[in-house]
Amino acid sequence: MIHWLRDARDPLPDTRCALPPDCDAPGLLAAGGHLTPARLTEAYSKGVFPWYSEGQPVLWWSPDPRMVLWTREFKLSRSLRKTIGKFTRSPGCEVRIDSAFEQVIAACAGSPREGQDGTWIVPDMVAAYSRWHAQGAVHSIETWIDGELAGGLYGVGLGRMFFGESMFTRRTDASKIALAALVCFGREHGIDLIDCQQRTGHLGSMGGRELPRNVFEAAIAERIQASAVTAWTYHQRLWAHLAVLPASAVVSPDEGRS
C-alpha cells in the first residue's frame, strides 16, 4: 500500500516502506502532496525525490540501491581530458554557475531521452525548482561556447551534498564538461558525493556506482548538516583539480576570485 500525502503537515513515510526491487515500481514510496520548497527540503534530506509524468499525482521515490558519484572516483577518459583541455584553452569557452537556470531546466525538460516518451520535468516541477532556485537551493552548471549555452545540468545543493537532477547537451560533450566542472567545484568546496538517483551506463562509465539505500542515507545525513556552500561561482583555476590546466594557468585562490 502506497502512502498518500494528504496535506503539507503529513510527513513522508520511512523509506523502508518503499516498494521492493522485485515489484513493478521499485522504490516508489508515496504519492500526492505539493512541490513546495519545504516539502522538497524534507524529501531530499531523507534521500527521496519526486518523479512523475503529466497527469499523474506527485510520486515520491527512494530506490534501493542508489546510484552515486564520489567526486574522488570520477573517471576522466583520455578523450574527455583532451576535450576539456581544448575547452579551457579556447577563447569564448567557459563554465558558469546559475547564470541561466531557467534556460537550463527548460532545455533539460525538452531533451529527448532514450526509452522515454515525454518528460518527467513537467511544468509544475519546473515552477517548483525555479522557486527553490530563487531561495538558493537549486543550481545550474552551464557550458558556454562563444556566448551560447551549449549544455549543462542542474541539481540541488544542501549542506555539502549535491543531488543531480538532469542534464542536456547541444554540442558534443557539453554536458560532460559541465559534470566535470561540478566535480571540480565539489572537490574545491568539500562536496565529495553527488546523488545520481538511478543507474545508467553513461554514469557508470564516468565512475558512478550503486550504494545500498541505508548506506546512502547515512552518508547524506552527515553531509546535509555541514555548512552550506555560499559562493556558487566557477573559476578557471578549478580545472586544476582534473590536471587539465598547464601550471602557468593555475593561480592562487585570491587571484582567481572576482
C-alpha atoms as a PDB file:
ATOM      1  CA  MET A   1       0.000   0.000   0.000  1.00  0.00           C
ATOM      2  CA  ILE A   2       1.441   3.361  -1.083  1.00  0.00           C
ATOM      3  CA  HIS A   3       1.163   6.158   1.454  1.00  0.00           C
ATOM      4  CA  TRP A   4      -0.916   9.137   0.286  1.00  0.00           C
ATOM      5  CA  LEU A   5       0.194  12.596   1.424  1.00  0.00           C
ATOM      6  CA  ARG A   6      -2.981  14.419   2.382  1.00  0.00           C
ATOM      7  CA  ASP A   7      -1.595  17.863   3.253  1.00  0.00           C
ATOM      8  CA  ALA A   8       1.624  19.750   3.950  1.00  0.00           C
ATOM      9  CA  ARG A   9       1.709  18.532   7.572  1.00  0.00           C
ATOM     10  CA  ASP A  10       1.672  14.872   6.579  1.00  0.00           C
ATOM     11  CA  PRO A  11       5.322  13.702   6.712  1.00  0.00           C
ATOM     12  CA  LEU A  12       6.884  11.368   4.213  1.00  0.00           C
ATOM     13  CA  PRO A  13       6.901   7.762   5.458  1.00  0.00           C
ATOM     14  CA  ASP A  14      10.017   5.851   6.450  1.00  0.00           C
ATOM     15  CA  THR A  15      11.951   4.958   3.296  1.00  0.00           C
ATOM     16  CA  ARG A  16      11.911   1.301   4.320  1.00  0.00           C
ATOM     17  CA  CYS A  17       8.238   1.390   3.266  1.00  0.00           C
ATOM     18  CA  ALA A  18       9.223   1.930  -0.386  1.00  0.00           C
ATOM     19  CA  LEU A  19       8.256  -0.804  -2.828  1.00  0.00           C
ATOM     20  CA  PRO A  20      10.945  -3.509  -3.159  1.00  0.00           C
ATOM     21  CA  PRO A  21      13.172  -4.107  -6.205  1.00  0.00           C
ATOM     22  CA  ASP A  22      11.118  -7.066  -7.467  1.00  0.00           C
ATOM     23  CA  CYS A  23       7.865  -5.116  -7.990  1.00  0.00           C
ATOM     24  CA  ASP A  24       6.560  -3.070 -10.919  1.00  0.00           C
ATOM     25  CA  ALA A  25       7.545   0.280  -9.370  1.00  0.00           C
ATOM     26  CA  PRO A  26      10.665  -0.383  -7.289  1.00  0.00           C
ATOM     27  CA  GLY A  27      11.449   2.454  -4.905  1.00  0.00           C
ATOM     28  CA  LEU A  28       8.027   4.114  -5.005  1.00  0.00           C
ATOM     29  CA  LEU A  29       7.423   5.468  -1.512  1.00  0.00           C
ATOM     30  CA  ALA A  30       4.416   7.826  -1.544  1.00  0.00           C
ATOM     31  CA  ALA A  31       2.072   9.835  -3.733  1.00  0.00           C
ATOM     32  CA  GLY A  32       0.322  13.175  -3.522  1.00  0.00           C
ATOM     33  CA  GLY A  33       1.160  16.466  -1.882  1.00  0.00           C
ATOM     34  CA  HIS A  34       2.685  19.519  -3.489  1.00  0.00           C
ATOM     35  CA  LEU A  35       6.157  20.540  -4.614  1.00  0.00           C
ATOM     36  CA  THR A  36       6.784  23.291  -2.095  1.00  0.00           C
ATOM     37  CA  PRO A  37      10.337  24.206  -1.051  1.00  0.00           C
ATOM     38  CA  ALA A  38       9.562  22.903   2.451  1.00  0.00           C
ATOM     39  CA  ARG A  39       8.371  19.523   1.138  1.00  0.00           C
ATOM     40  CA  LEU A  40      11.305  19.257  -1.259  1.00  0.00           C
ATOM     41  CA  THR A  41      13.772  20.059   1.526  1.00  0.00           C
ATOM     42  CA  GLU A  42      12.210  17.347   3.684  1.00  0.00           C
ATOM     43  CA  ALA A  43      12.329  14.865   0.823  1.00  0.00           C
ATOM     44  CA  TYR A  44      15.924  15.445  -0.270  1.00  0.00           C
ATOM     45  CA  SER A  45      17.119  15.448   3.332  1.00  0.00           C
ATOM     46  CA  LYS A  46      15.739  11.893   3.520  1.00  0.00           C
ATOM     47  CA  GLY A  47      17.105  10.830   0.139  1.00  0.00           C
ATOM     48  CA  VAL A  48      13.669  10.997  -1.505  1.00  0.00           C
ATOM     49  CA  PHE A  49      12.920  12.690  -4.823  1.00  0.00           C
ATOM     50  CA  PRO A  50       9.812  13.394  -6.962  1.00  0.00           C
ATOM     51  CA  TRP A  51       9.444  11.774 -10.384  1.00  0.00           C
ATOM     52  CA  TYR A  52       6.181  11.611 -12.293  1.00  0.00           C
ATOM     53  CA  SER A  53       4.557  12.368 -15.637  1.00  0.00           C
ATOM     54  CA  GLU A  54       1.992  14.890 -16.767  1.00  0.00           C
ATOM     55  CA  GLY A  55      -1.469  13.990 -15.453  1.00  0.00           C
ATOM     56  CA  GLN A  56      -0.163  11.921 -12.536  1.00  0.00           C
ATOM     57  CA  PRO A  57      -0.076  12.929  -8.861  1.00  0.00           C
ATOM     58  CA  VAL A  58       3.341  13.741  -7.444  1.00  0.00           C
ATOM     59  CA  LEU A  59       5.166  10.428  -6.953  1.00  0.00           C
ATOM     60  CA  TRP A  60       7.950  10.199  -4.371  1.00  0.00           C
ATOM     61  CA  TRP A  61      10.799   7.702  -4.794  1.00  0.00           C
ATOM     62  CA  SER A  62      13.532   6.118  -2.701  1.00  0.00           C
ATOM     63  CA  PRO A  63      15.218   3.436  -4.837  1.00  0.00           C
ATOM     64  CA  ASP A  64      17.468   0.769  -3.381  1.00  0.00           C
ATOM     65  CA  PRO A  65      20.276   0.648  -4.381  1.00  0.00           C
ATOM     66  CA  ARG A  66      21.076   4.278  -5.148  1.00  0.00           C
ATOM     67  CA  MET A  67      23.379   5.468  -7.936  1.00  0.00           C
ATOM     68  CA  VAL A  68      26.006   7.959  -6.759  1.00  0.00           C
ATOM     69  CA  LEU A  69      29.229   9.521  -7.939  1.00  0.00           C
ATOM     70  CA  TRP A  70      32.026  10.095  -5.444  1.00  0.00           C
ATOM     71  CA  THR A  71      33.981  13.062  -6.738  1.00  0.00           C
ATOM     72  CA  ARG A  72      37.242  11.289  -5.933  1.00  0.00           C
ATOM     73  CA  GLU A  73      36.187   8.382  -8.177  1.00  0.00           C
ATOM     74  CA  PHE A  74      35.268  10.451 -11.233  1.00  0.00           C
ATOM     75  CA  LYS A  75      36.722   8.793 -14.326  1.00  0.00           C
ATOM     76  CA  LEU A  76      38.144  11.196 -16.865  1.00  0.00           C
ATOM     77  CA  SER A  77      38.635   9.348 -20.138  1.00  0.00           C
ATOM     78  CA  ARG A  78      41.534  10.240 -22.375  1.00  0.00           C
ATOM     79  CA  SER A  79      39.182  11.730 -24.974  1.00  0.00           C
ATOM     80  CA  LEU A  80      37.289  13.842 -22.416  1.00  0.00           C
ATOM     81  CA  ARG A  81      40.559  15.042 -20.874  1.00  0.00           C
ATOM     82  CA  LYS A  82      41.620  16.181 -24.329  1.00  0.00           C
ATOM     83  CA  THR A  83      38.259  17.854 -24.927  1.00  0.00           C
ATOM     84  CA  ILE A  84      38.344  19.725 -21.611  1.00  0.00           C
ATOM     85  CA  GLY A  85      41.955  20.745 -22.177  1.00  0.00           C
ATOM     86  CA  LYS A  86      40.990  22.279 -25.519  1.00  0.00           C
ATOM     87  CA  PHE A  87      37.900  23.874 -23.946  1.00  0.00           C
ATOM     88  CA  THR A  88      39.932  25.577 -21.205  1.00  0.00           C
ATOM     89  CA  ARG A  89      42.390  26.989 -23.737  1.00  0.00           C
ATOM     90  CA  SER A  90      39.803  28.299 -26.183  1.00  0.00           C
ATOM     91  CA  PRO A  91      38.639  31.923 -26.026  1.00  0.00           C
ATOM     92  CA  GLY A  92      34.876  32.134 -25.678  1.00  0.00           C
ATOM     93  CA  CYS A  93      34.625  28.843 -23.785  1.00  0.00           C
ATOM     94  CA  GLU A  94      33.669  28.995 -20.125  1.00  0.00           C
ATOM     95  CA  VAL A  95      31.700  27.347 -17.354  1.00  0.00           C
ATOM     96  CA  ARG A  96      29.197  29.437 -15.449  1.00  0.00           C
ATOM     97  CA  ILE A  97      27.013  28.643 -12.459  1.00  0.00           C
ATOM     98  CA  ASP A  98      23.451  29.935 -12.076  1.00  0.00           C
ATOM     99  CA  SER A  99      23.666  32.461 -14.900  1.00  0.00           C
ATOM    100  CA  ALA A 100      20.827  30.886 -16.917  1.00  0.00           C
ATOM    101  CA  PHE A 101      18.973  28.478 -14.649  1.00  0.00           C
ATOM    102  CA  GLU A 102      15.622  28.903 -16.422  1.00  0.00           C
ATOM    103  CA  GLN A 103      17.232  28.091 -19.777  1.00  0.00           C
ATOM    104  CA  VAL A 104      18.952  25.014 -18.357  1.00  0.00           C
ATOM    105  CA  ILE A 105      15.881  23.467 -16.758  1.00  0.00           C
ATOM    106  CA  ALA A 106      13.825  24.219 -19.880  1.00  0.00           C
ATOM    107  CA  ALA A 107      16.453  22.568 -22.067  1.00  0.00           C
ATOM    108  CA  CYS A 108      16.553  19.528 -19.776  1.00  0.00           C
ATOM    109  CA  ALA A 109      12.763  19.281 -19.949  1.00  0.00           C
ATOM    110  CA  GLY A 110      12.823  19.463 -23.723  1.00  0.00           C
ATOM    111  CA  SER A 111      15.629  16.986 -24.340  1.00  0.00           C
ATOM    112  CA  PRO A 112      14.534  13.577 -25.695  1.00  0.00           C
ATOM    113  CA  ARG A 113      15.516  10.583 -23.547  1.00  0.00           C
ATOM    114  CA  GLU A 114      16.164   7.128 -24.926  1.00  0.00           C
ATOM    115  CA  GLY A 115      13.333   4.800 -23.946  1.00  0.00           C
ATOM    116  CA  GLN A 116      11.136   7.621 -22.609  1.00  0.00           C
ATOM    117  CA  ASP A 117       8.019   9.157 -24.109  1.00  0.00           C
ATOM    118  CA  GLY A 118       7.698  12.753 -22.996  1.00  0.00           C
ATOM    119  CA  THR A 119       9.403  14.254 -19.963  1.00  0.00           C
ATOM    120  CA  TRP A 120       9.212  13.922 -16.198  1.00  0.00           C
ATOM    121  CA  ILE A 121      10.253  17.570 -15.844  1.00  0.00           C
ATOM    122  CA  VAL A 122       6.639  18.713 -16.074  1.00  0.00           C
ATOM    123  CA  PRO A 123       5.585  22.400 -15.800  1.00  0.00           C
ATOM    124  CA  ASP A 124       4.757  22.111 -12.088  1.00  0.00           C
ATOM    125  CA  MET A 125       8.220  20.712 -11.441  1.00  0.00           C
ATOM    126  CA  VAL A 126       9.872  23.482 -13.454  1.00  0.00           C
ATOM    127  CA  ALA A 127       7.951  26.075 -11.433  1.00  0.00           C
ATOM    128  CA  ALA A 128       8.767  24.428  -8.103  1.00  0.00           C
ATOM    129  CA  TYR A 129      12.509  24.051  -8.741  1.00  0.00           C
ATOM    130  CA  SER A 130      12.643  27.594 -10.090  1.00  0.00           C
ATOM    131  CA  ARG A 131      11.163  28.846  -6.811  1.00  0.00           C
ATOM    132  CA  TRP A 132      13.649  26.706  -4.893  1.00  0.00           C
ATOM    133  CA  HIS A 133      16.455  28.057  -7.071  1.00  0.00           C
ATOM    134  CA  ALA A 134      15.404  31.592  -6.134  1.00  0.00           C
ATOM    135  CA  GLN A 135      15.849  30.573  -2.488  1.00  0.00           C
ATOM    136  CA  GLY A 136      19.392  29.378  -3.208  1.00  0.00           C
ATOM    137  CA  ALA A 137      18.970  25.585  -3.027  1.00  0.00           C
ATOM    138  CA  VAL A 138      18.978  24.637  -6.724  1.00  0.00           C
ATOM    139  CA  HIS A 139      21.868  25.352  -9.069  1.00  0.00           C
ATOM    140  CA  SER A 140      22.757  25.078 -12.723  1.00  0.00           C
ATOM    141  CA  ILE A 141      26.229  24.259 -14.035  1.00  0.00           C
ATOM    142  CA  GLU A 142      26.486  25.642 -17.567  1.00  0.00           C
ATOM    143  CA  THR A 143      28.826  25.122 -20.520  1.00  0.00           C
ATOM    144  CA  TRP A 144      29.074  28.235 -22.679  1.00  0.00           C
ATOM    145  CA  ILE A 145      30.719  28.392 -26.111  1.00  0.00           C
ATOM    146  CA  ASP A 146      31.018  31.696 -27.971  1.00  0.00           C
ATOM    147  CA  GLY A 147      28.231  33.259 -25.953  1.00  0.00           C
ATOM    148  CA  GLU A 148      25.791  30.377 -26.447  1.00  0.00           C
ATOM    149  CA  LEU A 149      24.563  27.887 -23.874  1.00  0.00           C
ATOM    150  CA  ALA A 150      25.920  24.599 -25.223  1.00  0.00           C
ATOM    151  CA  GLY A 151      24.959  22.222 -22.420  1.00  0.00           C
ATOM    152  CA  GLY A 152      24.644  21.861 -18.695  1.00  0.00           C
ATOM    153  CA  LEU A 153      22.960  20.291 -15.721  1.00  0.00           C
ATOM    154  CA  TYR A 154      21.010  21.276 -12.658  1.00  0.00           C
ATOM    155  CA  GLY A 155      20.617  19.872  -9.188  1.00  0.00           C
ATOM    156  CA  VAL A 156      20.029  20.517  -5.515  1.00  0.00           C
ATOM    157  CA  GLY A 157      22.697  21.638  -3.069  1.00  0.00           C
ATOM    158  CA  LEU A 158      22.074  21.024   0.631  1.00  0.00           C
ATOM    159  CA  GLY A 159      24.942  21.419   3.065  1.00  0.00           C
ATOM    160  CA  ARG A 160      27.911  19.704   1.407  1.00  0.00           C
ATOM    161  CA  MET A 161      25.769  17.371  -0.679  1.00  0.00           C
ATOM    162  CA  PHE A 162      24.732  17.717  -4.315  1.00  0.00           C
ATOM    163  CA  PHE A 163      21.730  15.898  -5.774  1.00  0.00           C
ATOM    164  CA  GLY A 164      21.965  15.752  -9.555  1.00  0.00           C
ATOM    165  CA  GLU A 165      18.665  16.082 -11.406  1.00  0.00           C
ATOM    166  CA  SER A 166      19.107  16.269 -15.175  1.00  0.00           C
ATOM    167  CA  MET A 167      21.479  17.352 -17.932  1.00  0.00           C
ATOM    168  CA  PHE A 168      21.331  18.297 -21.589  1.00  0.00           C
ATOM    169  CA  THR A 169      23.709  18.948 -24.450  1.00  0.00           C
ATOM    170  CA  ARG A 170      23.599  20.898 -27.692  1.00  0.00           C
ATOM    171  CA  ARG A 171      27.270  20.427 -28.559  1.00  0.00           C
ATOM    172  CA  THR A 172      29.341  17.262 -28.354  1.00  0.00           C
ATOM    173  CA  ASP A 173      30.418  16.552 -24.751  1.00  0.00           C
ATOM    174  CA  ALA A 174      29.000  19.847 -23.434  1.00  0.00           C
ATOM    175  CA  SER A 175      27.069  18.074 -20.645  1.00  0.00           C
ATOM    176  CA  LYS A 176      30.157  16.012 -19.763  1.00  0.00           C
ATOM    177  CA  ILE A 177      32.159  19.226 -19.459  1.00  0.00           C
ATOM    178  CA  ALA A 178      29.517  20.565 -17.055  1.00  0.00           C
ATOM    179  CA  LEU A 179      29.658  17.364 -14.979  1.00  0.00           C
ATOM    180  CA  ALA A 180      33.450  17.516 -14.858  1.00  0.00           C
ATOM    181  CA  ALA A 181      33.189  21.150 -13.731  1.00  0.00           C
ATOM    182  CA  LEU A 182      30.763  20.100 -10.981  1.00  0.00           C
ATOM    183  CA  VAL A 183      33.294  17.501  -9.836  1.00  0.00           C
ATOM    184  CA  CYS A 184      35.999  20.191  -9.714  1.00  0.00           C
ATOM    185  CA  PHE A 185      33.698  22.546  -7.831  1.00  0.00           C
ATOM    186  CA  GLY A 186      32.852  19.750  -5.403  1.00  0.00           C
ATOM    187  CA  ARG A 187      36.493  18.909  -4.776  1.00  0.00           C
ATOM    188  CA  GLU A 188      37.199  22.573  -4.108  1.00  0.00           C
ATOM    189  CA  HIS A 189      34.307  23.029  -1.667  1.00  0.00           C
ATOM    190  CA  GLY A 190      34.226  19.718   0.166  1.00  0.00           C
ATOM    191  CA  ILE A 191      31.287  18.219  -1.748  1.00  0.00           C
ATOM    192  CA  ASP A 192      32.500  14.678  -2.187  1.00  0.00           C
ATOM    193  CA  LEU A 193      29.235  12.926  -3.051  1.00  0.00           C
ATOM    194  CA  ILE A 194      26.808  13.523  -5.935  1.00  0.00           C
ATOM    195  CA  ASP A 195      23.474  11.717  -5.998  1.00  0.00           C
ATOM    196  CA  CYS A 196      22.657  10.339  -9.448  1.00  0.00           C
ATOM    197  CA  GLN A 197      19.374   8.671  -8.420  1.00  0.00           C
ATOM    198  CA  GLN A 198      19.281   5.681 -10.788  1.00  0.00           C
ATOM    199  CA  ARG A 199      21.849   3.644 -12.681  1.00  0.00           C
ATOM    200  CA  THR A 200      22.739   4.472 -16.256  1.00  0.00           C
ATOM    201  CA  GLY A 201      25.594   3.118 -18.322  1.00  0.00           C
ATOM    202  CA  HIS A 202      26.725   6.655 -19.055  1.00  0.00           C
ATOM    203  CA  LEU A 203      27.198   7.490 -15.371  1.00  0.00           C
ATOM    204  CA  GLY A 204      28.769   4.111 -14.694  1.00  0.00           C
ATOM    205  CA  SER A 205      31.405   4.788 -17.351  1.00  0.00           C
ATOM    206  CA  MET A 206      32.312   8.023 -15.559  1.00  0.00           C
ATOM    207  CA  GLY A 207      32.762   6.429 -12.144  1.00  0.00           C
ATOM    208  CA  GLY A 208      29.216   6.235 -10.788  1.00  0.00           C
ATOM    209  CA  ARG A 209      28.303   3.228  -8.669  1.00  0.00           C
ATOM    210  CA  GLU A 210      25.457   1.983  -6.551  1.00  0.00           C
ATOM    211  CA  LEU A 211      25.142   2.152  -2.766  1.00  0.00           C
ATOM    212  CA  PRO A 212      22.646   0.327  -0.560  1.00  0.00           C
ATOM    213  CA  ARG A 213      19.912   2.749   0.471  1.00  0.00           C
ATOM    214  CA  ASN A 214      20.836   2.659   4.174  1.00  0.00           C
ATOM    215  CA  VAL A 215      24.472   3.499   3.379  1.00  0.00           C
ATOM    216  CA  PHE A 216      23.379   6.333   1.092  1.00  0.00           C
ATOM    217  CA  GLU A 217      21.029   7.766   3.708  1.00  0.00           C
ATOM    218  CA  ALA A 218      23.732   7.677   6.369  1.00  0.00           C
ATOM    219  CA  ALA A 219      26.097   9.490   4.006  1.00  0.00           C
ATOM    220  CA  ILE A 220      23.669  12.296   3.172  1.00  0.00           C
ATOM    221  CA  ALA A 221      22.560  12.716   6.795  1.00  0.00           C
ATOM    222  CA  GLU A 222      26.115  13.701   7.686  1.00  0.00           C
ATOM    223  CA  ARG A 223      26.670  15.944   4.681  1.00  0.00           C
ATOM    224  CA  ILE A 224      23.482  17.995   4.774  1.00  0.00           C
ATOM    225  CA  GLN A 225      24.289  19.043   8.344  1.00  0.00           C
ATOM    226  CA  ALA A 226      27.528  20.672   7.192  1.00  0.00           C
ATOM    227  CA  SER A 227      27.670  24.400   6.465  1.00  0.00           C
ATOM    228  CA  ALA A 228      26.277  25.215   3.045  1.00  0.00           C
ATOM    229  CA  VAL A 229      28.424  26.495   0.202  1.00  0.00           C
ATOM    230  CA  THR A 230      27.756  30.207  -0.135  1.00  0.00           C
ATOM    231  CA  ALA A 231      29.809  31.110  -3.228  1.00  0.00           C
ATOM    232  CA  TRP A 232      28.383  29.232  -6.198  1.00  0.00           C
ATOM    233  CA  THR A 233      30.829  30.614  -8.754  1.00  0.00           C
ATOM    234  CA  TYR A 234      33.085  28.742 -11.146  1.00  0.00           C
ATOM    235  CA  HIS A 235      36.668  29.901 -11.588  1.00  0.00           C
ATOM    236  CA  GLN A 236      39.063  28.785 -14.302  1.00  0.00           C
ATOM    237  CA  ARG A 237      41.587  27.658 -11.708  1.00  0.00           C
ATOM    238  CA  LEU A 238      39.254  24.887 -10.533  1.00  0.00           C
ATOM    239  CA  TRP A 239      40.134  22.846 -13.624  1.00  0.00           C
ATOM    240  CA  ALA A 240      43.423  22.144 -11.845  1.00  0.00           C
ATOM    241  CA  HIS A 241      41.513  19.506  -9.850  1.00  0.00           C
ATOM    242  CA  LEU A 242      41.491  17.429 -13.042  1.00  0.00           C
ATOM    243  CA  ALA A 243      45.058  18.363 -14.021  1.00  0.00           C
ATOM    244  CA  VAL A 244      43.916  19.691 -17.406  1.00  0.00           C
ATOM    245  CA  LEU A 245      45.442  23.158 -16.924  1.00  0.00           C
ATOM    246  CA  PRO A 246      49.112  23.943 -17.501  1.00  0.00           C
ATOM    247  CA  ALA A 247      50.934  25.129 -14.393  1.00  0.00           C
ATOM    248  CA  SER A 248      51.083  28.694 -15.750  1.00  0.00           C
ATOM    249  CA  ALA A 249      47.276  28.833 -15.840  1.00  0.00           C
ATOM    250  CA  VAL A 250      46.790  27.890 -12.193  1.00  0.00           C
ATOM    251  CA  VAL A 251      46.530  30.980  -9.996  1.00  0.00           C
ATOM    252  CA  SER A 252      46.221  31.339  -6.277  1.00  0.00           C
ATOM    253  CA  PRO A 253      42.735  31.307  -4.707  1.00  0.00           C
ATOM    254  CA  ASP A 254      42.874  35.051  -4.028  1.00  0.00           C
ATOM    255  CA  GLU A 255      43.962  35.854  -7.574  1.00  0.00           C
ATOM    256  CA  GLY A 256      41.197  33.694  -9.042  1.00  0.00           C
ATOM    257  CA  ARG A 257      38.297  35.232  -7.171  1.00  0.00           C
ATOM    258  CA  SER A 258      36.279  38.127  -8.521  1.00  0.00           C
END
